Amino acid sequence: MPSPRHLATTRPSEVAHPEPASRGRSSARPRVAPAAICRLRKHADYQRVYAASRKQFGKQMSYFFLLRQPPASGGSPLRSADPGTARVGLTVGKAMGNAVDRNRIKRRMREAVRRQLPLLRMPVDVVLHPRRSVIDLDFATLEREVAAVFRAIQKASEQQAASLPSAGD
């Protein structure tokens, strides 16, 4: 039988650890795109969307969108943009309230966007400007509003893509 002193000097690497349990995620469910890929992050991306589009209005938010074009033969693609996915950015200014209110608006908007993102099948960049009323809005209503905005963007971007000259011309 080993001495108690021997047990006290056992290294942590020598102790057998059980395999870590999965955290409830099923590998059978396919993941859409990671949230980081679907977000506008750079100031230049926001400025490009603002410069190339007009302000559109929904009931609880205004929005801008820009259909991303494939890079020209000599151009470099956007590093953080998956060519087939939409990217969404949020802007919540200081006029919306204190930091707690602004962060709450952003959390709610990000979750609504995450749930409705499959509605955008075109490679578009979208910037959403929620109104202050979003903070008190029922979440189901907020989701319906985001879905309506995304459907309008999808329809308009499909029309824009159809009117663009094809690469073979």
C-alpha atoms as a PDB file:
ATOM      1  CA  MET A   1       0.000   0.000   0.000  1.00  0.00           C
ATOM      2  CA  PRO A   2       1.452   3.414  -0.905  1.00  0.00           C
ATOM      3  CA  SER A   3       2.346   5.749   1.859  1.00  0.00           C
ATOM      4  CA  PRO A   4       0.270   8.896   2.484  1.00  0.00           C
ATOM      5  CA  ARG A   5       3.319  10.948   1.544  1.00  0.00           C
ATOM      6  CA  HIS A   6       3.362   9.322  -1.899  1.00  0.00           C
ATOM      7  CA  LEU A   7      -0.299  10.268  -2.454  1.00  0.00           C
ATOM      8  CA  ALA A   8       0.385  13.892  -1.593  1.00  0.00           C
ATOM      9  CA  THR A   9       3.138  14.167  -4.205  1.00  0.00           C
ATOM     10  CA  THR A  10       1.066  12.844  -7.095  1.00  0.00           C
ATOM     11  CA  ARG A  11       1.268  15.257  -9.984  1.00  0.00           C
ATOM     12  CA  PRO A  12      -1.978  16.535 -11.505  1.00  0.00           C
ATOM     13  CA  SER A  13      -0.899  15.140 -14.885  1.00  0.00           C
ATOM     14  CA  GLU A  14      -0.713  11.657 -13.376  1.00  0.00           C
ATOM     15  CA  VAL A  15      -4.312  11.701 -12.130  1.00  0.00           C
ATOM     16  CA  ALA A  16      -6.761  10.138 -14.569  1.00  0.00           C
ATOM     17  CA  HIS A  17      -9.390  12.664 -15.602  1.00  0.00           C
ATOM     18  CA  PRO A  18     -12.670  11.628 -17.165  1.00  0.00           C
ATOM     19  CA  GLU A  19     -13.397  12.880 -20.654  1.00  0.00           C
ATOM     20  CA  PRO A  20     -15.157  16.254 -20.593  1.00  0.00           C
ATOM     21  CA  ALA A  21     -18.870  15.954 -21.132  1.00  0.00           C
ATOM     22  CA  SER A  22     -20.371  17.718 -24.111  1.00  0.00           C
ATOM     23  CA  ARG A  23     -22.126  20.938 -23.269  1.00  0.00           C
ATOM     24  CA  GLY A  24     -25.449  19.966 -24.745  1.00  0.00           C
ATOM     25  CA  ARG A  25     -24.557  20.741 -28.356  1.00  0.00           C
ATOM     26  CA  SER A  26     -25.540  18.183 -30.880  1.00  0.00           C
ATOM     27  CA  SER A  27     -23.147  17.633 -33.752  1.00  0.00           C
ATOM     28  CA  ALA A  28     -26.066  16.490 -35.923  1.00  0.00           C
ATOM     29  CA  ARG A  29     -27.457  20.017 -36.224  1.00  0.00           C
ATOM     30  CA  PRO A  30     -25.646  21.989 -38.917  1.00  0.00           C
ATOM     31  CA  ARG A  31     -24.511  25.433 -37.933  1.00  0.00           C
ATOM     32  CA  VAL A  32     -25.365  28.282 -40.214  1.00  0.00           C
ATOM     33  CA  ALA A  33     -22.592  30.862 -40.413  1.00  0.00           C
ATOM     34  CA  PRO A  34     -20.722  31.983 -37.324  1.00  0.00           C
ATOM     35  CA  ALA A  35     -22.062  35.250 -35.992  1.00  0.00           C
ATOM     36  CA  ALA A  36     -18.685  36.930 -36.428  1.00  0.00           C
ATOM     37  CA  ILE A  37     -18.791  36.399 -40.198  1.00  0.00           C
ATOM     38  CA  CYS A  38     -22.306  37.820 -40.442  1.00  0.00           C
ATOM     39  CA  ARG A  39     -21.437  41.141 -38.777  1.00  0.00           C
ATOM     40  CA  LEU A  40     -20.095  44.389 -40.145  1.00  0.00           C
ATOM     41  CA  ARG A  41     -17.170  45.363 -37.961  1.00  0.00           C
ATOM     42  CA  LYS A  42     -14.988  47.882 -39.770  1.00  0.00           C
ATOM     43  CA  HIS A  43     -15.732  51.581 -40.045  1.00  0.00           C
ATOM     44  CA  ALA A  44     -14.862  51.457 -43.754  1.00  0.00           C
ATOM     45  CA  ASP A  45     -17.572  48.831 -44.343  1.00  0.00           C
ATOM     46  CA  TYR A  46     -20.186  51.038 -42.676  1.00  0.00           C
ATOM     47  CA  GLN A  47     -19.035  54.048 -44.714  1.00  0.00           C
ATOM     48  CA  ARG A  48     -19.197  52.050 -47.962  1.00  0.00           C
ATOM     49  CA  VAL A  49     -22.810  51.058 -47.214  1.00  0.00           C
ATOM     50  CA  TYR A  50     -23.789  54.630 -46.289  1.00  0.00           C
ATOM     51  CA  ALA A  51     -22.168  56.095 -49.415  1.00  0.00           C
ATOM     52  CA  ALA A  52     -23.711  53.632 -51.848  1.00  0.00           C
ATOM     53  CA  SER A  53     -27.292  53.470 -50.587  1.00  0.00           C
ATOM     54  CA  ARG A  54     -30.240  55.541 -49.457  1.00  0.00           C
ATOM     55  CA  LYS A  55     -31.907  55.483 -46.073  1.00  0.00           C
ATOM     56  CA  GLN A  56     -34.933  53.179 -45.967  1.00  0.00           C
ATOM     57  CA  PHE A  57     -37.558  53.131 -43.246  1.00  0.00           C
ATOM     58  CA  GLY A  58     -39.336  50.387 -41.337  1.00  0.00           C
ATOM     59  CA  LYS A  59     -41.809  50.836 -38.470  1.00  0.00           C
ATOM     60  CA  GLN A  60     -39.257  50.551 -35.657  1.00  0.00           C
ATOM     61  CA  MET A  61     -35.974  51.145 -37.476  1.00  0.00           C
ATOM     62  CA  SER A  62     -34.303  52.689 -40.457  1.00  0.00           C
ATOM     63  CA  TYR A  63     -31.785  50.793 -42.534  1.00  0.00           C
ATOM     64  CA  PHE A  64     -29.223  50.996 -45.316  1.00  0.00           C
ATOM     65  CA  PHE A  65     -28.152  48.107 -47.534  1.00  0.00           C
ATOM     66  CA  LEU A  66     -25.666  47.454 -50.296  1.00  0.00           C
ATOM     67  CA  LEU A  67     -25.466  44.454 -52.608  1.00  0.00           C
ATOM     68  CA  ARG A  68     -21.863  43.209 -52.535  1.00  0.00           C
ATOM     69  CA  GLN A  69     -20.368  42.603 -55.941  1.00  0.00           C
ATOM     70  CA  PRO A  70     -17.855  39.850 -56.648  1.00  0.00           C
ATOM     71  CA  PRO A  71     -14.353  41.334 -56.897  1.00  0.00           C
ATOM     72  CA  ALA A  72     -13.115  42.358 -60.320  1.00  0.00           C
ATOM     73  CA  SER A  73     -10.392  40.240 -61.907  1.00  0.00           C
ATOM     74  CA  GLY A  74      -7.629  42.348 -60.334  1.00  0.00           C
ATOM     75  CA  GLY A  75      -9.435  43.266 -57.115  1.00  0.00           C
ATOM     76  CA  SER A  76      -9.045  41.582 -53.790  1.00  0.00           C
ATOM     77  CA  PRO A  77     -12.103  40.198 -51.990  1.00  0.00           C
ATOM     78  CA  LEU A  78     -13.194  41.540 -48.634  1.00  0.00           C
ATOM     79  CA  ARG A  79     -11.268  39.608 -46.010  1.00  0.00           C
ATOM     80  CA  SER A  80     -14.063  39.119 -43.519  1.00  0.00           C
ATOM     81  CA  ALA A  81     -16.853  38.580 -46.031  1.00  0.00           C
ATOM     82  CA  ASP A  82     -18.033  35.152 -47.037  1.00  0.00           C
ATOM     83  CA  PRO A  83     -19.092  35.726 -50.669  1.00  0.00           C
ATOM     84  CA  GLY A  84     -22.553  34.209 -50.226  1.00  0.00           C
ATOM     85  CA  THR A  85     -23.676  35.525 -46.848  1.00  0.00           C
ATOM     86  CA  ALA A  86     -25.214  38.741 -45.686  1.00  0.00           C
ATOM     87  CA  ARG A  87     -23.469  40.900 -43.095  1.00  0.00           C
ATOM     88  CA  VAL A  88     -25.404  43.080 -40.660  1.00  0.00           C
ATOM     89  CA  GLY A  89     -24.211  46.006 -38.575  1.00  0.00           C
ATOM     90  CA  LEU A  90     -26.044  47.906 -35.846  1.00  0.00           C
ATOM     91  CA  THR A  91     -25.710  51.527 -34.830  1.00  0.00           C
ATOM     92  CA  VAL A  92     -27.206  52.745 -31.589  1.00  0.00           C
ATOM     93  CA  GLY A  93     -26.307  56.364 -30.835  1.00  0.00           C
ATOM     94  CA  LYS A  94     -26.040  58.096 -27.488  1.00  0.00           C
ATOM     95  CA  ALA A  95     -29.395  59.755 -28.063  1.00  0.00           C
ATOM     96  CA  MET A  96     -30.947  56.331 -27.430  1.00  0.00           C
ATOM     97  CA  GLY A  97     -30.216  56.498 -23.712  1.00  0.00           C
ATOM     98  CA  ASN A  98     -27.512  55.527 -21.286  1.00  0.00           C
ATOM     99  CA  ALA A  99     -25.076  52.661 -21.876  1.00  0.00           C
ATOM    100  CA  VAL A 100     -27.365  50.124 -20.202  1.00  0.00           C
ATOM    101  CA  ASP A 101     -30.252  51.011 -22.526  1.00  0.00           C
ATOM    102  CA  ARG A 102     -28.045  51.050 -25.634  1.00  0.00           C
ATOM    103  CA  ASN A 103     -26.531  47.674 -24.816  1.00  0.00           C
ATOM    104  CA  ARG A 104     -29.961  46.189 -24.157  1.00  0.00           C
ATOM    105  CA  ILE A 105     -31.174  47.447 -27.538  1.00  0.00           C
ATOM    106  CA  LYS A 106     -28.114  45.937 -29.234  1.00  0.00           C
ATOM    107  CA  ARG A 107     -28.535  42.566 -27.492  1.00  0.00           C
ATOM    108  CA  ARG A 108     -32.177  42.354 -28.490  1.00  0.00           C
ATOM    109  CA  MET A 109     -31.436  43.428 -32.056  1.00  0.00           C
ATOM    110  CA  ARG A 110     -28.538  40.966 -32.431  1.00  0.00           C
ATOM    111  CA  GLU A 111     -30.732  38.072 -31.325  1.00  0.00           C
ATOM    112  CA  ALA A 112     -33.570  39.093 -33.664  1.00  0.00           C
ATOM    113  CA  VAL A 113     -31.091  39.439 -36.530  1.00  0.00           C
ATOM    114  CA  ARG A 114     -29.525  36.065 -35.748  1.00  0.00           C
ATOM    115  CA  ARG A 115     -32.920  34.360 -35.887  1.00  0.00           C
ATOM    116  CA  GLN A 116     -34.013  36.082 -39.114  1.00  0.00           C
ATOM    117  CA  LEU A 117     -30.693  36.042 -40.999  1.00  0.00           C
ATOM    118  CA  PRO A 118     -31.649  33.056 -43.226  1.00  0.00           C
ATOM    119  CA  LEU A 119     -34.168  35.369 -44.939  1.00  0.00           C
ATOM    120  CA  LEU A 120     -31.216  37.172 -46.558  1.00  0.00           C
ATOM    121  CA  ARG A 121     -29.922  34.863 -49.262  1.00  0.00           C
ATOM    122  CA  MET A 122     -28.041  37.503 -51.270  1.00  0.00           C
ATOM    123  CA  PRO A 123     -24.564  38.808 -50.375  1.00  0.00           C
ATOM    124  CA  VAL A 124     -25.640  42.148 -48.930  1.00  0.00           C
ATOM    125  CA  ASP A 125     -24.262  44.444 -46.266  1.00  0.00           C
ATOM    126  CA  VAL A 126     -26.977  45.902 -44.022  1.00  0.00           C
ATOM    127  CA  VAL A 127     -26.799  48.643 -41.397  1.00  0.00           C
ATOM    128  CA  LEU A 128     -29.758  48.857 -39.000  1.00  0.00           C
ATOM    129  CA  HIS A 129     -30.637  51.958 -36.965  1.00  0.00           C
ATOM    130  CA  PRO A 130     -33.260  50.980 -34.362  1.00  0.00           C
ATOM    131  CA  ARG A 131     -35.521  53.590 -32.788  1.00  0.00           C
ATOM    132  CA  ARG A 132     -35.659  54.070 -29.038  1.00  0.00           C
ATOM    133  CA  SER A 133     -39.045  52.339 -28.932  1.00  0.00           C
ATOM    134  CA  VAL A 134     -37.263  49.011 -29.607  1.00  0.00           C
ATOM    135  CA  ILE A 135     -36.271  48.827 -25.926  1.00  0.00           C
ATOM    136  CA  ASP A 136     -39.919  48.528 -24.814  1.00  0.00           C
ATOM    137  CA  LEU A 137     -41.115  46.494 -27.798  1.00  0.00           C
ATOM    138  CA  ASP A 138     -42.255  42.904 -27.321  1.00  0.00           C
ATOM    139  CA  PHE A 139     -39.517  40.608 -28.679  1.00  0.00           C
ATOM    140  CA  ALA A 140     -41.880  38.755 -31.038  1.00  0.00           C
ATOM    141  CA  THR A 141     -42.894  42.098 -32.563  1.00  0.00           C
ATOM    142  CA  LEU A 142     -39.238  43.080 -32.904  1.00  0.00           C
ATOM    143  CA  GLU A 143     -38.524  39.793 -34.697  1.00  0.00           C
ATOM    144  CA  ARG A 144     -41.431  40.402 -37.085  1.00  0.00           C
ATOM    145  CA  GLU A 145     -40.105  43.891 -37.815  1.00  0.00           C
ATOM    146  CA  VAL A 146     -36.588  42.580 -38.545  1.00  0.00           C
ATOM    147  CA  ALA A 147     -38.089  39.851 -40.748  1.00  0.00           C
ATOM    148  CA  ALA A 148     -40.101  42.452 -42.689  1.00  0.00           C
ATOM    149  CA  VAL A 149     -36.979  44.591 -43.202  1.00  0.00           C
ATOM    150  CA  PHE A 150     -34.950  41.571 -44.332  1.00  0.00           C
ATOM    151  CA  ARG A 151     -37.679  40.491 -46.777  1.00  0.00           C
ATOM    152  CA  ALA A 152     -37.746  44.003 -48.255  1.00  0.00           C
ATOM    153  CA  ILE A 153     -33.934  43.997 -48.559  1.00  0.00           C
ATOM    154  CA  GLN A 154     -33.965  40.533 -50.173  1.00  0.00           C
ATOM    155  CA  LYS A 155     -36.576  41.604 -52.712  1.00  0.00           C
ATOM    156  CA  ALA A 156     -34.755  44.844 -53.569  1.00  0.00           C
ATOM    157  CA  SER A 157     -31.359  43.140 -53.818  1.00  0.00           C
ATOM    158  CA  GLU A 158     -32.781  40.466 -56.140  1.00  0.00           C
ATOM    159  CA  GLN A 159     -34.117  43.257 -58.377  1.00  0.00           C
ATOM    160  CA  GLN A 160     -30.732  45.010 -58.289  1.00  0.00           C
ATOM    161  CA  ALA A 161     -28.906  41.794 -59.152  1.00  0.00           C
ATOM    162  CA  ALA A 162     -31.257  41.152 -62.074  1.00  0.00           C
ATOM    163  CA  SER A 163     -30.665  44.638 -63.474  1.00  0.00           C
ATOM    164  CA  LEU A 164     -26.842  44.402 -63.273  1.00  0.00           C
ATOM    165  CA  PRO A 165     -25.020  43.501 -66.469  1.00  0.00           C
ATOM    166  CA  SER A 166     -23.744  39.932 -66.411  1.00  0.00           C
ATOM    167  CA  ALA A 167     -20.020  39.177 -66.393  1.00  0.00           C
ATOM    168  CA  GLY A 168     -20.194  37.612 -69.893  1.00  0.00           C
ATOM    169  CA  ASP A 169     -21.310  40.875 -71.567  1.00  0.00           C
END
